[in-house]
Amino acid sequence: MNPKRREAIFGLALALPAVVYIVAMMIYPLGYLIDLSFSSGLEYYEYIFRDAMFGDAVVFTLAIALGSVAMELCFGFIAALMLSKDFKGRGFIRSLYILPWAIPTVASAFLWRYVFSNMGWFNSLLAHFGSNAMTNWLIEQPYIPLLIAESWKMTPLVMLILLAGLQSIPRDLIESSHVDGATAVQSFFHITLPLMVPVIVSALVVRLVDALRIFTSAWIITGGGGIYPVLGTYIVRLYRHGLLGPSAAASIMLVLIVAFSVAVLTYVNRRMAER
């Protein structure tokens, strides 16, 4: 047998388990969802589009995703810049900083559910500063608890991605700019930030895809979705009420939203790389 042919067959054999996994765990379930969502024509899609709660879930999901990712990028970048410097105890601080990310989502969700409960720390803090209003954050204002819970847990991941990008920038470029008279701020905006754009976009894609699929923390913190569900909890509600077709249609819409977001970010990254 031709050596190149043998090598090709060997490569296909190595890739076969991954292909089987993708087909069994991704393509087949997605195909089944699509088939189920169209099993009555467009009836199930018409159902969710007529349902006001579906529109609220889309808006609320986008608000949580965009808000939390923006906070994560901001605080993650600041932390990455600080932790990229040499100082005593840097390793310990790094380990401490990634602790929230290491905590299981269920545990962190219950933690923040307690913090924002009626008798929790947040209301106690507001009362300490003179507020007499006892806000039921978990029901009336779930955006704040979910935004803080998501940002607190996932900022360390963004920090790690950005820190890796910062450490890959040649120090010679920064030092040369300082020799030429550039200030630290000028070096950041003209050297560091432009070189970090691909890394920032990568972190944005990773986190936005994950944030749009928010479910566990929303389900626990709001006690089953509350009056302001995200798409994940909305889909589960439909399923638990026996509305399999509409739940499948809502799932496909979530897939399309995620795919569209990834496509837009990929396009923006490609255009910026061409400049």
Protein backbone atom coordinates (compact mmCIF):
# COMPACT_ATOMS: atom_id res chain seq x y z
CA MET A 1 0.00 0.00 0.00
CA ASN A 2 1.18 3.51 -0.82
CA PRO A 3 2.73 5.13 2.29
CA LYS A 4 0.68 8.31 1.78
CA ARG A 5 -2.51 6.26 1.47
CA ARG A 6 -1.61 4.32 4.61
CA GLU A 7 -0.97 7.58 6.45
CA ALA A 8 -4.31 8.97 5.31
CA ILE A 9 -6.18 5.85 6.48
CA PHE A 10 -4.36 6.00 9.82
CA GLY A 11 -5.34 9.67 10.22
CA LEU A 12 -8.99 8.89 9.46
CA ALA A 13 -8.92 6.04 11.98
CA LEU A 14 -7.63 8.42 14.66
CA ALA A 15 -10.32 10.99 13.81
CA LEU A 16 -13.15 8.44 13.70
CA PRO A 17 -13.93 8.48 17.48
CA ALA A 18 -14.18 12.27 17.42
CA VAL A 19 -16.45 12.15 14.36
CA VAL A 20 -18.70 9.56 16.00
CA TYR A 21 -18.87 11.67 19.15
CA ILE A 22 -19.79 14.83 17.22
CA VAL A 23 -22.48 13.02 15.22
CA ALA A 24 -23.94 11.23 18.26
CA MET A 25 -23.78 14.10 20.74
CA MET A 26 -24.25 17.19 18.55
CA ILE A 27 -25.48 16.64 15.00
CA TYR A 28 -28.13 14.01 15.76
CA PRO A 29 -29.71 15.90 18.72
CA LEU A 30 -29.68 19.13 16.70
CA GLY A 31 -31.27 17.37 13.74
CA TYR A 32 -33.91 15.86 16.03
CA LEU A 33 -34.68 19.31 17.48
CA ILE A 34 -35.05 20.81 14.01
CA ASP A 35 -37.34 17.98 12.92
CA LEU A 36 -39.45 18.30 16.08
CA SER A 37 -39.71 22.08 15.81
CA PHE A 38 -41.04 21.80 12.23
CA SER A 39 -43.19 18.69 12.82
CA SER A 40 -46.32 20.86 12.62
CA GLY A 41 -45.01 23.29 10.05
CA LEU A 42 -44.43 26.73 11.51
CA GLU A 43 -47.05 26.31 14.24
CA TYR A 44 -44.54 25.94 17.07
CA TYR A 45 -42.56 28.98 15.95
CA GLU A 46 -45.77 30.98 15.69
CA TYR A 47 -46.58 29.87 19.25
CA ILE A 48 -43.35 31.18 20.78
CA PHE A 49 -43.43 34.40 18.72
CA ARG A 50 -46.95 35.09 20.00
CA ASP A 51 -45.82 34.37 23.56
CA ALA A 52 -44.77 37.67 25.18
CA MET A 53 -42.60 35.75 27.65
CA PHE A 54 -40.41 34.49 24.79
CA GLY A 55 -39.59 38.05 23.74
CA ASP A 56 -38.90 38.99 27.36
CA ALA A 57 -36.63 35.94 27.71
CA VAL A 58 -34.65 36.91 24.59
CA VAL A 59 -34.19 40.50 25.77
CA PHE A 60 -33.31 39.42 29.32
CA THR A 61 -30.82 36.82 28.08
CA LEU A 62 -29.10 39.34 25.80
CA ALA A 63 -29.01 41.90 28.61
CA ILE A 64 -27.43 39.43 31.03
CA ALA A 65 -24.96 38.15 28.42
CA LEU A 66 -23.82 41.55 27.15
CA GLY A 67 -23.73 43.14 30.60
CA SER A 68 -21.81 40.33 32.27
CA VAL A 69 -19.34 39.91 29.40
CA ALA A 70 -18.67 43.67 29.36
CA MET A 71 -17.93 43.63 33.09
CA GLU A 72 -15.77 40.53 32.76
CA LEU A 73 -13.69 42.06 29.97
CA CYS A 74 -13.25 45.30 31.89
CA PHE A 75 -12.30 43.83 35.26
CA GLY A 76 -10.50 40.89 33.67
CA PHE A 77 -8.27 43.20 31.63
CA ILE A 78 -7.46 45.34 34.67
CA ALA A 79 -6.61 42.23 36.70
CA ALA A 80 -4.52 40.78 33.85
CA LEU A 81 -2.53 44.00 33.57
CA MET A 82 -1.87 43.99 37.31
CA LEU A 83 -0.97 40.31 37.48
CA SER A 84 1.35 40.55 34.48
CA LYS A 85 3.74 42.65 36.59
CA ASP A 86 6.45 41.13 38.76
CA PHE A 87 5.78 41.52 42.46
CA LYS A 88 6.13 39.47 45.60
CA GLY A 89 3.27 37.04 46.13
CA ARG A 90 2.08 37.20 42.54
CA GLY A 91 1.54 33.43 42.33
CA PHE A 92 -0.59 33.43 45.48
CA ILE A 93 -2.70 36.36 44.24
CA ARG A 94 -3.25 34.62 40.91
CA SER A 95 -4.39 31.45 42.67
CA LEU A 96 -6.71 33.46 44.90
CA TYR A 97 -8.15 35.36 41.95
CA ILE A 98 -9.20 32.23 40.03
CA LEU A 99 -10.97 30.76 43.08
CA PRO A 100 -14.48 31.94 42.03
CA TRP A 101 -14.07 30.20 38.68
CA ALA A 102 -13.08 26.96 40.44
CA ILE A 103 -16.23 26.95 42.58
CA PRO A 104 -19.03 24.80 41.05
CA THR A 105 -21.79 26.86 39.44
CA VAL A 106 -24.45 25.34 41.71
CA ALA A 107 -22.52 26.31 44.85
CA SER A 108 -21.84 29.87 43.66
CA ALA A 109 -25.48 30.29 42.59
CA PHE A 110 -26.73 29.30 46.05
CA LEU A 111 -24.18 31.67 47.57
CA TRP A 112 -25.51 34.64 45.59
CA ARG A 113 -29.10 33.53 46.16
CA TYR A 114 -28.45 33.92 49.88
CA VAL A 115 -26.65 37.25 49.44
CA PHE A 116 -29.64 38.75 47.59
CA SER A 117 -32.38 37.09 49.64
CA ASN A 118 -34.74 39.26 51.71
CA MET A 119 -32.60 38.83 54.83
CA GLY A 120 -29.33 38.54 52.94
CA TRP A 121 -26.17 40.59 53.05
CA PHE A 122 -27.13 42.95 50.22
CA ASN A 123 -30.32 44.22 51.86
CA SER A 124 -28.48 44.40 55.19
CA LEU A 125 -25.79 46.54 53.55
CA LEU A 126 -28.42 48.87 52.07
CA ALA A 127 -30.14 49.11 55.47
CA HIS A 128 -26.79 49.99 57.04
CA PHE A 129 -26.57 53.00 54.71
CA GLY A 130 -30.08 54.14 55.59
CA SER A 131 -32.30 52.40 53.04
CA ASN A 132 -35.69 51.38 54.47
CA ALA A 133 -36.85 49.52 51.36
CA MET A 134 -36.74 45.73 51.56
CA THR A 135 -36.33 44.76 47.90
CA ASN A 136 -36.98 41.18 46.85
CA TRP A 137 -34.08 41.11 44.41
CA LEU A 138 -34.56 37.48 43.38
CA ILE A 139 -38.09 38.11 42.10
CA GLU A 140 -38.46 41.83 41.43
CA GLN A 141 -34.94 42.70 40.19
CA PRO A 142 -33.20 39.45 39.16
CA TYR A 143 -30.99 41.27 36.64
CA ILE A 144 -28.67 42.62 39.35
CA PRO A 145 -28.09 39.27 41.16
CA LEU A 146 -27.57 37.39 37.89
CA LEU A 147 -25.26 40.05 36.47
CA ILE A 148 -23.07 40.08 39.57
CA ALA A 149 -23.12 36.29 40.00
CA GLU A 150 -22.09 35.65 36.37
CA SER A 151 -19.41 38.35 36.37
CA TRP A 152 -17.98 37.24 39.74
CA LYS A 153 -17.65 33.63 38.64
CA MET A 154 -16.37 34.08 35.07
CA THR A 155 -14.09 37.13 35.29
CA PRO A 156 -11.14 34.90 36.35
CA LEU A 157 -11.46 32.90 33.10
CA VAL A 158 -11.35 36.08 31.03
CA MET A 159 -8.40 37.29 33.11
CA LEU A 160 -6.47 34.07 32.37
CA ILE A 161 -7.09 34.38 28.62
CA LEU A 162 -6.03 38.03 28.56
CA LEU A 163 -3.04 37.37 30.84
CA ALA A 164 -1.78 34.74 28.41
CA GLY A 165 -2.10 37.28 25.61
CA LEU A 166 -0.24 39.97 27.56
CA GLN A 167 2.62 37.61 28.36
CA SER A 168 2.99 36.73 24.67
CA ILE A 169 3.74 40.35 23.73
CA PRO A 170 7.50 40.80 23.28
CA ARG A 171 8.91 42.95 26.05
CA ASP A 172 11.37 44.46 23.56
CA LEU A 173 8.53 46.37 21.89
CA ILE A 174 7.46 47.99 25.15
CA GLU A 175 11.01 48.78 26.20
CA SER A 176 11.85 50.25 22.77
CA SER A 177 8.82 52.55 22.97
CA HIS A 178 9.95 53.77 26.39
CA VAL A 179 13.45 54.43 24.99
CA ASP A 180 11.83 56.48 22.22
CA GLY A 181 10.10 58.62 24.84
CA ALA A 182 6.64 57.03 24.90
CA THR A 183 4.78 57.09 28.19
CA ALA A 184 3.18 53.98 29.72
CA VAL A 185 -0.25 55.17 28.54
CA GLN A 186 0.99 55.73 24.99
CA SER A 187 2.65 52.31 24.92
CA PHE A 188 -0.59 50.71 26.10
CA PHE A 189 -2.83 52.32 23.47
CA HIS A 190 -0.38 52.10 20.54
CA ILE A 191 1.31 48.73 21.21
CA THR A 192 -0.35 46.61 23.89
CA LEU A 193 -4.00 47.18 23.01
CA PRO A 194 -3.68 46.68 19.22
CA LEU A 195 -1.75 43.44 19.75
CA MET A 196 -4.35 42.27 22.27
CA VAL A 197 -7.35 42.74 19.94
CA PRO A 198 -7.36 39.11 18.63
CA VAL A 199 -7.08 37.80 22.20
CA ILE A 200 -9.88 40.09 23.38
CA VAL A 201 -12.13 38.91 20.55
CA SER A 202 -11.33 35.28 21.38
CA ALA A 203 -12.25 35.87 25.04
CA LEU A 204 -15.39 37.67 23.90
CA VAL A 205 -16.47 34.73 21.70
CA VAL A 206 -15.81 32.16 24.44
CA ARG A 207 -17.70 34.08 27.08
CA LEU A 208 -20.57 35.36 24.94
CA VAL A 209 -21.42 31.86 23.70
CA ASP A 210 -21.38 30.59 27.28
CA ALA A 211 -23.31 33.59 28.67
CA LEU A 212 -26.11 33.22 26.11
CA ARG A 213 -26.59 29.63 27.32
CA ILE A 214 -27.03 30.70 30.94
CA PHE A 215 -29.28 28.30 32.82
CA THR A 216 -28.01 26.82 36.11
CA SER A 217 -27.34 30.08 37.95
CA ALA A 218 -30.56 31.66 36.63
CA TRP A 219 -32.63 28.64 37.65
CA ILE A 220 -31.20 28.52 41.19
CA ILE A 221 -31.01 32.25 41.92
CA THR A 222 -34.54 33.01 40.69
CA GLY A 223 -36.04 29.75 41.96
CA GLY A 224 -37.05 28.34 38.59
CA GLY A 225 -36.86 31.36 36.34
CA GLY A 226 -39.04 33.85 38.21
CA ILE A 227 -41.14 36.34 36.28
CA TYR A 228 -38.11 37.26 34.15
CA PRO A 229 -36.82 34.00 32.62
CA VAL A 230 -33.75 33.63 30.47
CA LEU A 231 -34.05 31.52 27.32
CA GLY A 232 -32.71 28.43 29.08
CA THR A 233 -35.30 28.54 31.87
CA TYR A 234 -38.03 29.48 29.38
CA ILE A 235 -37.27 26.35 27.33
CA VAL A 236 -37.38 24.15 30.45
CA ARG A 237 -40.72 25.69 31.47
CA LEU A 238 -42.23 24.80 28.10
CA TYR A 239 -40.86 21.27 28.35
CA ARG A 240 -42.19 20.76 31.89
CA HIS A 241 -45.65 21.82 30.69
CA GLY A 242 -45.53 19.18 27.95
CA LEU A 243 -45.02 21.71 25.13
CA LEU A 244 -42.27 19.76 23.38
CA GLY A 245 -42.71 21.39 19.98
CA PRO A 246 -42.51 25.00 21.24
CA SER A 247 -39.58 24.09 23.52
CA ALA A 248 -37.76 22.63 20.50
CA ALA A 249 -38.52 25.78 18.47
CA ALA A 250 -37.22 27.99 21.30
CA SER A 251 -34.07 25.83 21.49
CA ILE A 252 -33.45 26.30 17.77
CA MET A 253 -33.86 30.07 18.20
CA LEU A 254 -31.26 29.99 20.97
CA VAL A 255 -28.88 28.06 18.67
CA LEU A 256 -29.43 30.65 15.93
CA ILE A 257 -28.75 33.54 18.31
CA VAL A 258 -25.49 31.92 19.46
CA ALA A 259 -24.44 31.09 15.89
CA PHE A 260 -25.21 34.63 14.70
CA SER A 261 -23.20 36.14 17.57
CA VAL A 262 -20.20 33.93 16.78
CA ALA A 263 -20.43 34.75 13.06
CA VAL A 264 -20.52 38.51 13.72
CA LEU A 265 -17.56 38.40 16.11
CA THR A 266 -15.57 36.19 13.74
CA TYR A 267 -16.26 38.59 10.87
CA VAL A 268 -15.21 41.59 12.97
CA ASN A 269 -12.02 39.82 14.05
CA ARG A 270 -11.15 38.94 10.44
CA ARG A 271 -11.72 42.50 9.24
CA MET A 272 -9.59 43.93 12.04
CA ALA A 273 -6.83 41.42 11.28
CA GLU A 274 -6.80 42.53 7.62
CA ARG A 275 -6.06 46.13 8.60
